[in-house]
N, C-alpha and C. Protein backbone atom coordinates (compact mmCIF):
# COMPACT_ATOMS: atom_id res chain seq x y z
N ASP A 1 0.77 -0.77 -0.10
CA ASP A 1 0.35 0.29 0.13
C ASP A 1 0.71 1.38 -0.11
N TYR A 2 0.06 2.34 -0.18
CA TYR A 2 0.83 3.33 -0.48
C TYR A 2 1.46 3.90 1.02
N LYS A 3 1.00 4.06 2.02
CA LYS A 3 0.99 4.39 3.39
C LYS A 3 2.09 3.74 3.62
N GLY A 4 2.30 2.18 3.30
CA GLY A 4 3.49 1.33 3.90
C GLY A 4 4.19 2.35 2.93
N GLN A 5 4.12 2.42 1.90
CA GLN A 5 5.34 2.39 1.33
C GLN A 5 6.94 3.69 1.91
N LYS A 6 5.52 5.08 1.95
CA LYS A 6 5.48 6.30 2.65
C LYS A 6 6.39 5.70 3.91
N LEU A 7 5.82 5.05 4.81
CA LEU A 7 6.43 4.97 5.88
C LEU A 7 8.36 4.21 5.75
N ALA A 8 8.00 3.15 4.86
CA ALA A 8 9.49 1.92 4.18
C ALA A 8 9.87 3.71 4.36
N GLU A 9 10.10 4.87 3.34
CA GLU A 9 10.96 5.70 2.65
C GLU A 9 11.68 6.82 3.93
N GLN A 10 10.20 7.00 5.23
CA GLN A 10 10.56 7.59 5.63
C GLN A 10 11.87 7.28 7.51
N ILE A 11 11.30 5.32 7.03
CA ILE A 11 12.38 4.43 8.06
C ILE A 11 13.68 4.76 7.50
N PHE A 12 13.90 4.88 6.54
CA PHE A 12 15.15 4.67 5.43
C PHE A 12 15.92 5.69 5.61
N GLN A 13 15.37 6.93 5.01
CA GLN A 13 15.81 7.60 4.93
C GLN A 13 16.41 8.12 6.39
N GLY A 14 15.31 8.27 7.62
CA GLY A 14 16.39 8.73 8.25
C GLY A 14 16.88 7.80 9.40
N ILE A 15 16.51 6.23 8.90
CA ILE A 15 18.71 5.64 9.89
C ILE A 15 19.61 6.07 9.20
N ILE A 16 18.92 6.20 7.70
CA ILE A 16 20.52 6.23 6.28
C ILE A 16 21.02 7.90 7.83
N LEU A 17 20.35 9.08 7.43
CA LEU A 17 20.99 10.09 8.37
C LEU A 17 20.94 10.42 9.40
N VAL A 18 21.02 9.66 10.10
CA VAL A 18 21.38 9.80 11.80
C VAL A 18 22.33 8.75 11.87
N SER A 19 22.19 8.14 10.43
CA SER A 19 24.28 7.23 10.75
C SER A 19 24.70 7.59 10.35
N ALA A 20 24.73 8.83 9.24
CA ALA A 20 25.78 9.43 8.32
C ALA A 20 26.08 10.54 10.22
N ILE A 21 25.32 10.67 10.55
CA ILE A 21 26.30 12.34 11.38
C ILE A 21 26.20 11.20 12.49
N ILE A 22 26.18 10.31 13.20
CA ILE A 22 26.63 9.39 13.66
C ILE A 22 27.98 9.21 12.98
N GLY A 23 27.85 9.08 12.64
CA GLY A 23 29.45 8.37 11.37
C GLY A 23 30.33 9.22 11.80
N PHE A 24 29.94 10.63 10.84
CA PHE A 24 30.56 11.73 11.05
C PHE A 24 31.36 12.32 11.83
N ILE A 25 30.28 12.79 13.11
CA ILE A 25 31.05 13.33 14.44
C ILE A 25 32.23 12.29 15.30
N TYR A 26 31.33 10.27 14.61
CA TYR A 26 32.76 9.81 15.33
C TYR A 26 33.80 10.03 14.65
N GLY A 27 33.68 9.80 13.16
CA GLY A 27 34.82 9.73 12.29
C GLY A 27 36.08 11.20 12.76
N TYR A 28 35.17 12.18 12.74
CA TYR A 28 35.66 13.09 12.82
C TYR A 28 36.41 13.37 14.69
N ILE A 29 35.89 12.63 15.48
CA ILE A 29 36.35 12.83 16.81
C ILE A 29 37.81 12.13 16.95
N THR A 30 37.48 10.94 16.18
CA THR A 30 38.87 10.07 15.45
C THR A 30 39.86 10.19 15.16
N GLU A 31 39.00 11.65 14.38
CA GLU A 31 40.74 11.18 12.72
C GLU A 31 40.13 10.47 12.14
N GLN A 32 39.14 9.34 11.59
CA GLN A 32 39.77 7.90 11.47
C GLN A 32 37.93 8.16 10.46
N PHE A 33 37.90 7.96 9.19
CA PHE A 33 37.91 8.76 8.06
C PHE A 33 36.45 7.19 7.12
N GLY A 34 37.69 5.47 8.21
CA GLY A 34 37.10 4.90 7.88
C GLY A 34 36.11 4.40 9.05
N TRP A 35 36.06 4.74 9.59
CA TRP A 35 34.67 4.75 11.55
C TRP A 35 33.54 5.26 10.21
N THR A 36 33.55 6.78 10.13
CA THR A 36 32.54 6.96 9.35
C THR A 36 32.20 6.25 7.89
N VAL A 37 32.89 5.48 7.59
CA VAL A 37 32.20 4.50 6.36
C VAL A 37 31.36 3.90 7.39
N TYR A 38 32.06 3.06 7.67
CA TYR A 38 31.92 1.74 8.63
C TYR A 38 30.56 2.18 9.48
N ILE A 39 30.20 3.15 9.75
CA ILE A 39 28.56 3.44 10.65
C ILE A 39 28.23 3.82 9.65
N VAL A 40 28.63 4.50 8.50
CA VAL A 40 26.73 4.98 7.65
C VAL A 40 27.39 3.16 7.02
N MET A 41 27.85 2.39 7.18
CA MET A 41 27.37 1.02 5.57
C MET A 41 26.52 0.24 6.94
N ALA A 42 26.74 0.38 8.75
CA ALA A 42 26.30 -0.48 9.54
C ALA A 42 24.23 0.33 9.02
N GLY A 43 24.49 1.59 9.61
CA GLY A 43 23.42 2.01 9.59
C GLY A 43 22.30 1.52 8.19
N PHE A 44 22.89 1.68 6.89
CA PHE A 44 22.58 1.45 5.47
C PHE A 44 21.87 -0.35 5.57
N ALA A 45 22.99 -1.24 6.19
CA ALA A 45 22.27 -2.84 6.81
C ALA A 45 20.66 -2.53 7.40
N VAL A 46 21.03 -1.98 8.52
CA VAL A 46 19.95 -1.92 9.59
C VAL A 46 19.12 -1.24 9.08
N SER A 47 18.72 -0.58 8.29
CA SER A 47 17.65 -0.08 7.07
C SER A 47 17.25 -1.00 6.32
N CYS A 48 17.68 -1.76 5.38
CA CYS A 48 18.12 -2.52 4.69
C CYS A 48 17.01 -3.84 5.02
N LEU A 49 17.23 -4.31 6.75
CA LEU A 49 16.58 -5.08 7.47
C LEU A 49 15.16 -4.96 7.51
N LEU A 50 14.91 -3.60 8.41
CA LEU A 50 14.01 -2.54 8.90
C LEU A 50 12.73 -2.33 7.03
N THR A 51 13.33 -1.87 6.40
CA THR A 51 12.03 -1.50 5.14
C THR A 51 12.12 -2.72 4.09
N LEU A 52 12.45 -3.21 3.58
CA LEU A 52 12.54 -4.85 2.57
C LEU A 52 12.27 -5.86 2.47
N PRO A 53 12.12 -6.02 3.57
CA PRO A 53 11.26 -7.63 3.51
C PRO A 53 9.77 -7.01 3.85
N PRO A 54 8.67 -7.54 3.52
CA PRO A 54 7.26 -7.37 4.44
C PRO A 54 6.66 -7.60 4.80
N TRP A 55 7.42 -6.97 5.70
CA TRP A 55 6.77 -6.30 7.60
C TRP A 55 4.94 -6.38 7.42
N PRO A 56 4.69 -6.65 8.20
CA PRO A 56 3.30 -6.49 8.34
C PRO A 56 2.59 -5.37 9.30
N MET A 57 3.35 -4.87 9.47
CA MET A 57 3.46 -2.62 10.06
C MET A 57 3.72 -1.89 8.16
N TYR A 58 4.25 -2.54 6.78
CA TYR A 58 3.93 -1.60 6.04
C TYR A 58 2.37 -2.39 4.97
N ARG A 59 2.22 -3.84 5.45
CA ARG A 59 0.53 -3.61 4.87
C ARG A 59 -0.50 -3.28 5.73
N ARG A 60 -1.21 -2.49 6.13
CA ARG A 60 -1.85 -2.60 6.65
C ARG A 60 -2.95 -1.96 6.37
N ASN A 61 -2.91 -0.82 5.49
CA ASN A 61 -3.87 0.03 4.70
C ASN A 61 -3.76 -1.08 2.70
N PRO A 62 -4.22 -2.07 2.70
CA PRO A 62 -4.17 -3.20 1.43
C PRO A 62 -5.08 -1.66 0.35
N LEU A 63 -4.52 -2.19 -0.86
CA LEU A 63 -5.14 -1.07 -2.18
C LEU A 63 -6.66 -2.30 -2.79
N LYS A 64 -7.79 -1.66 -2.75
CA LYS A 64 -8.78 -2.87 -3.78
C LYS A 64 -8.93 -2.46 -4.78
N TRP A 65 -8.78 -3.35 -5.08
CA TRP A 65 -9.01 -3.90 -6.61
C TRP A 65 -10.08 -3.94 -7.36
N LEU A 66 -10.12 -4.09 -8.32
CA LEU A 66 -11.31 -4.29 -9.03
C LEU A 66 -11.39 -5.73 -9.25
N PRO A 67 -12.93 -5.89 -9.10
CA PRO A 67 -13.12 -7.45 -9.12
C PRO A 67 -12.63 -7.85 -10.74
N VAL A 68 -12.65 -10.13 -10.78
CA VAL A 68 -11.95 -10.26 -12.05
C VAL A 68 -13.68 -10.66 -13.16
N GLN A 69 -12.68 -9.66 -14.07
CA GLN A 69 -14.58 -9.59 -15.05
C GLN A 69 -14.05 -10.59 -15.74
N GLU A 70 -15.60 -11.70 -16.18
CA GLU A 70 -15.02 -12.42 -17.49
C GLU A 70 -15.29 -12.26 -17.86
N SER A 71 -14.93 -13.16 -19.46
CA SER A 71 -14.57 -12.59 -21.07
C SER A 71 -14.90 -13.75 -21.80
N GLY A 72 -15.66 -14.25 -21.31
CA GLY A 72 -16.51 -15.12 -22.25
C GLY A 72 -16.93 -14.62 -23.26
N THR A 73 -17.60 -13.44 -23.53
CA THR A 73 -18.48 -13.19 -24.54
C THR A 73 -17.53 -13.26 -25.92
N GLU A 74 -16.25 -12.48 -25.54
CA GLU A 74 -14.88 -12.15 -26.63
C GLU A 74 -14.72 -13.26 -27.04
N GLU A 75 -14.36 -13.67 -25.87
CA GLU A 75 -13.74 -15.21 -26.36
C GLU A 75 -14.81 -16.22 -27.72
N LYS A 76 -16.26 -15.94 -27.06
CA LYS A 76 -16.73 -16.40 -28.16
C LYS A 76 -16.71 -15.52 -29.34
N LYS A 77 -17.11 -14.62 -30.09
CA LYS A 77 -16.57 -13.42 -30.81
C LYS A 77 -15.69 -14.04 -31.81
N ALA A 78 -14.53 -14.18 -30.92
CA ALA A 78 -13.15 -14.55 -31.26
C ALA A 78 -12.99 -15.60 -32.51
N ALA A 79 -13.85 -17.05 -31.90
CA ALA A 79 -14.16 -18.33 -32.11
C ALA A 79 -14.86 -18.35 -33.32
N GLU A 80 -15.93 -17.48 -33.99
CA GLU A 80 -16.87 -17.26 -34.38
C GLU A 80 -16.47 -17.48 -35.85
N ARG A 81 -15.55 -16.12 -35.65
CA ARG A 81 -14.83 -15.63 -36.78
C ARG A 81 -14.03 -15.88 -37.36
N LYS A 82 -13.68 -16.40 -38.84
CA LYS A 82 -13.04 -17.31 -39.40
C LYS A 82 -11.45 -17.06 -39.65
N PRO A 83 -10.69 -17.91 -39.85
CA PRO A 83 -9.50 -17.44 -39.93
C PRO A 83 -8.97 -16.45 -41.47
N LYS A 84 -8.55 -15.79 -41.52
CA LYS A 84 -8.02 -15.18 -43.20
C LYS A 84 -7.12 -16.24 -43.54
N ARG A 85 -7.49 -15.93 -45.06
CA ARG A 85 -6.55 -17.31 -45.78
C ARG A 85 -5.94 -16.42 -47.16
N TYR A 86 -4.34 -16.58 -47.03
CA TYR A 86 -3.66 -15.96 -47.60
C TYR A 86 -3.62 -16.21 -49.00
N ALA A 87 -3.63 -15.10 -50.36
CA ALA A 87 -3.08 -15.94 -51.03
C ALA A 87 -1.83 -16.64 -51.39
N LYS A 88 -1.70 -17.76 -51.89
CA LYS A 88 0.30 -18.37 -52.55
C LYS A 88 0.26 -17.93 -53.32
N SER A 89 1.94 -17.60 -53.63
CA SER A 89 2.55 -16.39 -54.23
C SER A 89 3.55 -17.28 -55.21
């Protein structure tokens, strides 16, 4: 559903943003750029774990689809038509 997609996107972006800020601050304090990258990658992994599987919290508002329509009349019309014959050359 669309509300679930919006929630998943907000969670994903929020975790990435928070991990980037924490990673930048920690990397700046320790003067190690590698820690910044590790923390951002950990945030990305956590956000993927929380948003990619179809968790029930994302499926609370299912979409209402149109009912299936029978196509029996179209099949009868197609069967009544004669196949075209092409002239041999």
